[in-house]
N, C-alpha and C. Protein backbone atom coordinates (compact mmCIF):
# COMPACT_ATOMS: atom_id res chain seq x y z
N MET A 1 65.27 58.82 100.37
CA MET A 1 65.34 58.76 101.80
C MET A 1 66.81 58.14 101.97
N MET A 2 67.28 57.10 101.18
CA MET A 2 68.65 56.63 101.41
C MET A 2 69.76 58.07 101.18
N ARG A 3 69.31 58.91 100.38
CA ARG A 3 70.36 59.91 99.86
C ARG A 3 70.30 60.81 101.13
N ARG A 4 69.33 61.01 101.72
CA ARG A 4 69.25 61.86 103.09
C ARG A 4 70.06 61.26 104.16
N ALA A 5 70.13 59.98 104.33
CA ALA A 5 70.95 59.35 105.47
C ALA A 5 72.29 59.44 105.14
N ALA A 6 72.81 59.38 103.81
CA ALA A 6 74.18 59.54 103.53
C ALA A 6 74.51 60.86 103.65
N GLU A 7 73.81 61.83 103.43
CA GLU A 7 74.17 63.48 103.70
C GLU A 7 74.29 63.74 105.14
N SER A 8 73.33 63.13 106.07
CA SER A 8 73.54 63.45 107.13
C SER A 8 74.68 62.68 108.02
N ASP A 9 75.49 61.97 107.23
CA ASP A 9 76.44 61.09 108.09
C ASP A 9 77.84 61.81 107.83
N ARG A 10 77.77 62.84 107.18
CA ARG A 10 79.01 63.66 107.05
C ARG A 10 79.22 64.44 108.19
N LEU A 11 80.58 64.73 108.59
CA LEU A 11 81.09 65.26 109.82
C LEU A 11 80.80 66.86 109.64
N TYR A 12 80.63 67.41 108.48
CA TYR A 12 80.74 68.72 108.41
C TYR A 12 79.88 69.18 107.31
N ASP A 13 79.32 70.32 107.15
CA ASP A 13 78.71 70.91 105.87
C ASP A 13 79.88 71.31 104.98
N PRO A 14 79.74 70.74 103.71
CA PRO A 14 80.91 70.95 102.84
C PRO A 14 80.87 72.14 102.12
N GLY A 15 80.29 73.22 102.59
CA GLY A 15 80.28 74.58 102.21
C GLY A 15 81.51 75.12 101.91
N LEU A 16 81.60 76.34 101.69
CA LEU A 16 82.63 77.02 101.29
C LEU A 16 83.40 77.94 102.55
N GLN A 17 82.96 77.56 103.85
CA GLN A 17 83.57 78.29 104.75
C GLN A 17 85.14 78.30 104.92
N PRO A 18 85.67 77.17 104.88
CA PRO A 18 87.29 77.32 105.00
C PRO A 18 87.96 78.08 103.76
N GLU A 19 87.25 78.09 102.72
CA GLU A 19 87.81 78.95 101.61
C GLU A 19 87.39 80.39 101.77
N ARG A 20 86.40 80.84 102.40
CA ARG A 20 86.00 82.06 102.58
C ARG A 20 86.95 82.65 103.58
N THR A 21 87.28 81.63 104.73
CA THR A 21 88.34 82.25 105.56
C THR A 21 89.61 82.46 105.14
N GLU A 22 90.01 81.52 104.24
CA GLU A 22 91.29 81.75 103.53
C GLU A 22 91.44 82.96 102.84
N LEU A 23 90.17 83.29 102.11
CA LEU A 23 90.36 84.43 101.27
C LEU A 23 90.35 85.60 102.21
N ALA A 24 89.59 85.69 103.28
CA ALA A 24 89.77 86.71 104.32
C ALA A 24 91.07 86.91 104.86
N TRP A 25 91.79 85.95 105.14
CA TRP A 25 93.30 86.06 105.31
C TRP A 25 94.10 86.57 104.34
N ARG A 26 93.85 86.19 103.09
CA ARG A 26 94.68 86.81 102.03
C ARG A 26 94.41 88.25 101.81
N ARG A 27 92.95 88.61 101.95
CA ARG A 27 93.06 90.15 101.90
C ARG A 27 93.66 90.97 102.75
N THR A 28 93.72 90.26 104.17
CA THR A 28 94.31 90.93 105.21
C THR A 28 95.95 90.92 104.90
N ALA A 29 96.41 89.89 104.32
CA ALA A 29 97.76 89.99 103.92
C ALA A 29 98.05 90.93 102.68
N LEU A 30 97.24 91.00 101.88
CA LEU A 30 97.40 91.96 100.71
C LEU A 30 97.21 93.46 101.34
N ALA A 31 96.43 93.63 102.30
CA ALA A 31 96.41 94.95 102.78
C ALA A 31 97.71 95.36 103.57
N ILE A 32 98.10 94.36 104.32
CA ILE A 32 99.49 94.58 104.98
C ILE A 32 100.50 94.94 104.21
N ALA A 33 100.46 94.17 103.05
CA ALA A 33 101.46 94.37 101.93
C ALA A 33 101.49 95.79 101.26
N ILE A 34 100.28 96.10 101.07
CA ILE A 34 100.14 97.55 100.28
C ILE A 34 100.47 98.44 101.25
N GLY A 35 100.14 98.44 102.52
CA GLY A 35 100.44 99.27 103.60
C GLY A 35 101.87 99.66 104.00
N SER A 36 102.77 98.36 103.79
CA SER A 36 104.27 98.36 104.03
C SER A 36 104.88 98.85 103.01
N LEU A 37 104.22 98.51 101.62
CA LEU A 37 104.98 99.41 100.15
C LEU A 37 104.74 100.65 100.50
N VAL A 38 103.57 101.24 100.89
CA VAL A 38 103.32 102.57 100.99
C VAL A 38 104.33 103.19 101.80
N SER A 39 104.40 102.54 103.03
CA SER A 39 105.40 103.00 104.06
C SER A 39 106.93 102.90 103.54
N LEU A 40 107.27 102.21 102.56
CA LEU A 40 108.68 101.97 102.17
C LEU A 40 108.85 103.27 101.19
N ARG A 41 107.79 103.74 100.90
CA ARG A 41 107.86 104.73 99.88
C ARG A 41 107.90 106.21 100.50
N ILE A 42 106.99 106.28 101.75
CA ILE A 42 106.94 107.34 102.26
C ILE A 42 107.82 107.88 103.50
N PHE A 43 108.20 106.79 104.36
CA PHE A 43 109.02 106.96 105.34
C PHE A 43 110.24 107.62 104.99
N PRO A 44 110.98 106.99 104.33
CA PRO A 44 112.29 107.57 103.94
C PRO A 44 112.32 108.92 103.53
N LEU A 45 111.11 109.55 102.92
CA LEU A 45 111.13 110.89 102.33
C LEU A 45 110.86 111.78 103.51
N VAL A 46 110.05 111.44 104.60
CA VAL A 46 109.52 112.40 105.58
C VAL A 46 110.43 112.21 106.95
N LEU A 47 111.43 111.25 107.08
CA LEU A 47 112.16 111.38 108.17
C LEU A 47 113.45 112.01 107.96
N PRO A 48 114.13 112.64 108.98
CA PRO A 48 115.32 113.35 108.93
C PRO A 48 116.39 112.65 108.25
N ASP A 49 117.34 113.06 107.93
CA ASP A 49 118.56 112.50 106.98
C ASP A 49 119.20 111.40 107.72
N GLY A 50 119.26 111.65 109.22
CA GLY A 50 119.90 110.54 109.87
C GLY A 50 119.04 109.27 110.11
N LEU A 51 117.86 109.41 110.03
CA LEU A 51 116.92 108.26 110.32
C LEU A 51 116.13 107.93 109.03
N ALA A 52 116.51 108.36 107.90
CA ALA A 52 116.01 107.76 106.63
C ALA A 52 116.07 106.45 106.34
N ALA A 53 117.35 106.12 106.68
CA ALA A 53 117.48 104.62 106.47
C ALA A 53 116.53 103.71 107.27
N TRP A 54 116.23 104.12 108.45
CA TRP A 54 115.51 103.45 109.44
C TRP A 54 114.01 103.33 108.72
N GLY A 55 113.43 104.17 108.09
CA GLY A 55 112.25 104.19 107.37
C GLY A 55 112.01 103.15 106.72
N VAL A 56 113.03 102.36 106.25
CA VAL A 56 112.71 101.19 105.15
C VAL A 56 112.30 99.99 106.31
N VAL A 57 112.70 99.97 107.39
CA VAL A 57 112.76 98.74 108.16
C VAL A 57 111.23 98.32 108.32
N PRO A 58 110.22 99.15 108.79
CA PRO A 58 108.81 98.72 108.79
C PRO A 58 108.22 98.30 107.53
N GLY A 59 108.56 98.91 106.61
CA GLY A 59 108.11 98.24 105.11
C GLY A 59 108.56 96.94 104.89
N VAL A 60 110.00 96.79 105.11
CA VAL A 60 110.60 95.40 104.89
C VAL A 60 109.88 94.32 105.64
N ILE A 61 109.91 94.60 107.00
CA ILE A 61 109.49 93.70 108.03
C ILE A 61 107.64 93.31 107.59
N GLY A 62 107.03 94.34 107.12
CA GLY A 62 105.77 94.16 106.84
C GLY A 62 105.49 93.36 105.51
N VAL A 63 106.30 93.69 104.38
CA VAL A 63 106.14 92.75 103.26
C VAL A 63 106.44 91.37 103.70
N GLY A 64 107.49 91.18 104.46
CA GLY A 64 107.79 89.76 104.76
C GLY A 64 106.84 89.12 105.57
N THR A 65 106.04 89.87 106.58
CA THR A 65 104.98 89.43 107.20
C THR A 65 103.97 89.13 106.43
N ALA A 66 103.74 89.93 105.67
CA ALA A 66 102.42 89.67 104.67
C ALA A 66 102.68 88.42 103.74
N CYS A 67 103.83 87.90 103.33
CA CYS A 67 104.23 86.86 102.66
C CYS A 67 104.01 85.76 103.70
N LEU A 68 104.40 85.74 104.66
CA LEU A 68 104.28 84.63 105.85
C LEU A 68 102.74 84.42 106.17
N LEU A 69 102.27 85.38 106.23
CA LEU A 69 100.54 85.21 106.50
C LEU A 69 99.93 84.60 105.37
N TRP A 70 100.31 85.18 103.99
CA TRP A 70 99.69 84.56 102.92
C TRP A 70 99.76 82.96 102.90
N VAL A 71 101.05 82.65 103.21
CA VAL A 71 101.36 81.17 103.06
C VAL A 71 100.71 80.37 104.32
N ALA A 72 100.74 81.02 105.57
CA ALA A 72 100.06 80.46 106.84
C ALA A 72 98.58 80.21 106.63
N ALA A 73 97.95 81.27 105.76
CA ALA A 73 96.77 81.00 105.54
C ALA A 73 96.18 79.90 104.64
N ARG A 74 96.90 79.91 103.86
CA ARG A 74 96.82 78.67 102.64
C ARG A 74 96.94 77.26 103.62
N ARG A 75 98.11 77.13 104.43
CA ARG A 75 98.25 75.98 105.18
C ARG A 75 97.28 75.80 105.98
N ARG A 76 96.80 76.60 106.58
CA ARG A 76 95.67 76.47 107.74
C ARG A 76 94.36 76.16 106.72
N GLN A 77 94.10 76.52 105.70
CA GLN A 77 93.11 76.10 104.98
C GLN A 77 93.06 74.71 104.70
N ARG A 78 94.19 74.23 104.23
CA ARG A 78 94.30 72.87 103.71
C ARG A 78 94.24 71.85 104.80
N HIS A 79 94.69 72.29 106.08
CA HIS A 79 94.71 71.36 107.17
C HIS A 79 93.48 71.55 107.77
N THR A 80 92.74 72.41 107.67
CA THR A 80 91.36 72.46 108.21
C THR A 80 90.42 71.50 107.32
N THR A 81 90.55 71.67 106.07
CA THR A 81 89.83 71.00 105.05
C THR A 81 89.95 69.30 105.30
N ALA A 82 91.28 68.98 105.43
CA ALA A 82 91.72 67.58 105.63
C ALA A 82 91.21 67.33 106.90
N VAL A 83 91.22 67.82 108.01
CA VAL A 83 90.62 67.29 109.09
C VAL A 83 89.03 67.27 109.17
N LEU A 84 88.45 68.24 108.37
CA LEU A 84 87.12 67.93 108.49
C LEU A 84 86.43 67.04 107.50
N THR A 85 87.12 66.87 106.44
CA THR A 85 86.74 65.91 105.33
C THR A 85 87.12 64.33 105.58
N SER A 86 87.94 64.14 106.61
CA SER A 86 88.26 62.88 107.09
C SER A 86 87.81 62.43 108.51
N ARG A 87 87.82 61.35 108.75
CA ARG A 87 87.14 60.75 109.97
C ARG A 87 88.52 60.68 111.05
N MET A 88 89.51 61.24 110.60
CA MET A 88 90.77 61.06 111.72
C MET A 88 90.34 62.17 112.64
N SER A 89 90.99 61.97 113.88
CA SER A 89 90.86 62.91 115.06
C SER A 89 91.92 63.84 114.96
N GLY A 90 91.95 64.95 114.16
CA GLY A 90 92.88 66.08 114.25
C GLY A 90 92.39 67.21 114.84
N VAL A 91 93.58 67.95 115.14
CA VAL A 91 93.26 69.22 115.89
C VAL A 91 93.04 70.24 115.01
N LEU A 92 91.97 71.14 115.19
CA LEU A 92 91.73 72.08 114.16
C LEU A 92 92.84 73.26 114.61
N PRO A 93 92.99 74.17 113.52
CA PRO A 93 93.97 75.09 113.93
C PRO A 93 93.20 76.13 114.95
N GLY A 94 94.19 76.70 115.70
CA GLY A 94 93.42 77.70 116.82
C GLY A 94 93.72 79.21 116.34
N GLY A 95 94.13 79.97 117.46
CA GLY A 95 94.06 81.46 117.03
C GLY A 95 95.53 81.82 116.86
N ALA A 96 96.49 81.03 116.83
CA ALA A 96 97.84 81.44 116.82
C ALA A 96 97.92 82.45 115.51
N LEU A 97 97.30 82.35 114.59
CA LEU A 97 97.48 83.22 113.23
C LEU A 97 97.05 84.59 113.63
N LEU A 98 95.78 84.61 114.33
CA LEU A 98 95.19 85.96 114.77
C LEU A 98 96.07 86.60 115.69
N LEU A 99 96.74 85.95 116.75
CA LEU A 99 97.59 86.18 117.73
C LEU A 99 98.88 86.95 117.01
N VAL A 100 99.43 86.17 116.05
CA VAL A 100 100.75 86.94 115.26
C VAL A 100 100.30 88.03 114.49
N LEU A 101 99.09 88.08 114.27
CA LEU A 101 98.71 89.26 113.22
C LEU A 101 98.37 90.50 114.26
N THR A 102 97.96 90.27 115.34
CA THR A 102 97.68 91.41 116.28
C THR A 102 98.97 91.78 116.99
N VAL A 103 99.97 90.98 117.21
CA VAL A 103 101.18 91.24 117.87
C VAL A 103 101.93 92.18 116.61
N PHE A 104 101.76 91.71 115.27
CA PHE A 104 102.43 92.48 114.21
C PHE A 104 101.78 93.78 114.01
N GLY A 105 100.43 93.89 114.16
CA GLY A 105 99.88 95.13 113.85
C GLY A 105 100.13 96.31 114.97
N THR A 106 100.28 95.73 116.19
CA THR A 106 100.58 96.59 117.33
C THR A 106 101.87 97.11 117.02
N GLY A 107 102.91 96.34 116.75
CA GLY A 107 104.29 96.58 116.61
C GLY A 107 104.54 97.58 115.50
N PHE A 108 103.81 97.24 114.38
CA PHE A 108 104.01 97.94 113.24
C PHE A 108 103.41 99.32 113.49
N GLY A 109 102.15 99.56 114.17
CA GLY A 109 101.62 100.86 114.50
C GLY A 109 102.55 101.60 115.40
N THR A 110 103.13 100.95 116.26
CA THR A 110 104.02 101.76 117.10
C THR A 110 105.03 102.24 116.59
N VAL A 111 105.78 101.61 115.64
CA VAL A 111 106.96 101.95 115.09
C VAL A 111 106.44 103.30 114.26
N ALA A 112 105.47 102.91 113.30
CA ALA A 112 104.81 104.25 112.72
C ALA A 112 104.56 105.42 113.32
N LEU A 113 104.00 104.99 114.72
CA LEU A 113 103.89 106.26 115.46
C LEU A 113 105.07 107.01 116.03
N LEU A 114 105.93 106.09 116.38
CA LEU A 114 107.49 106.74 116.82
C LEU A 114 107.96 107.52 115.76
N LEU A 115 107.82 107.14 114.32
CA LEU A 115 108.50 107.63 113.04
C LEU A 115 107.78 108.99 113.04
N VAL A 116 106.43 109.13 113.00
CA VAL A 116 105.73 110.20 112.94
C VAL A 116 106.22 111.25 114.02
N ALA A 117 106.33 110.87 115.22
CA ALA A 117 106.62 111.66 116.32
C ALA A 117 107.98 112.18 116.32
N VAL A 118 108.91 111.49 115.67
CA VAL A 118 110.55 111.97 115.26
C VAL A 118 110.33 112.82 114.32
N THR A 119 109.43 112.83 113.38
CA THR A 119 109.44 113.60 112.19
C THR A 119 108.77 115.10 112.68
N GLN A 120 107.96 115.08 113.73
CA GLN A 120 107.13 116.23 114.05
C GLN A 120 108.08 117.19 115.06
N LEU A 121 108.98 116.29 115.77
CA LEU A 121 109.83 116.76 116.79
C LEU A 121 111.03 117.54 116.02
N SER A 122 111.40 117.17 114.94
CA SER A 122 112.68 117.57 114.37
C SER A 122 112.33 118.81 113.40
C-alpha cells in the first residue's frame, strides 16, 4: 500500500516517451541529411553548366539543418525530462522545432522544384 502511494505522487509516468520523441526527431534529421547528400550528388550533374554551382546550395543547407535539428532534439529531450522529473515549474518545449522543420521542408521542396523546372526548360 505504501509503495502505491509513492508511485502516485510522481508528476508524470517515467516511461520512455521523451526518448521516443527524441529518436523520432533523430530519424527525421537523418532523413533530411540523406536527402541533402543525395541532392549534393545529383543536382550539379543535372543542372545546366551555368547553374551547376547552385545545385550545391540546397544540399549544404540541408546538411546544416539536419545537424541543427539533431542537436535541438537532444536539447529538447533533456529539457523536457528535467522539467518532468523535478517539481519546478518549468515551461515545456512547444512547437518551435516543428515550425522550423516545416519551413525548411517547404523551402527545400520549393528550391528542388525550381531546379527541376530549370532543368526541364533548358
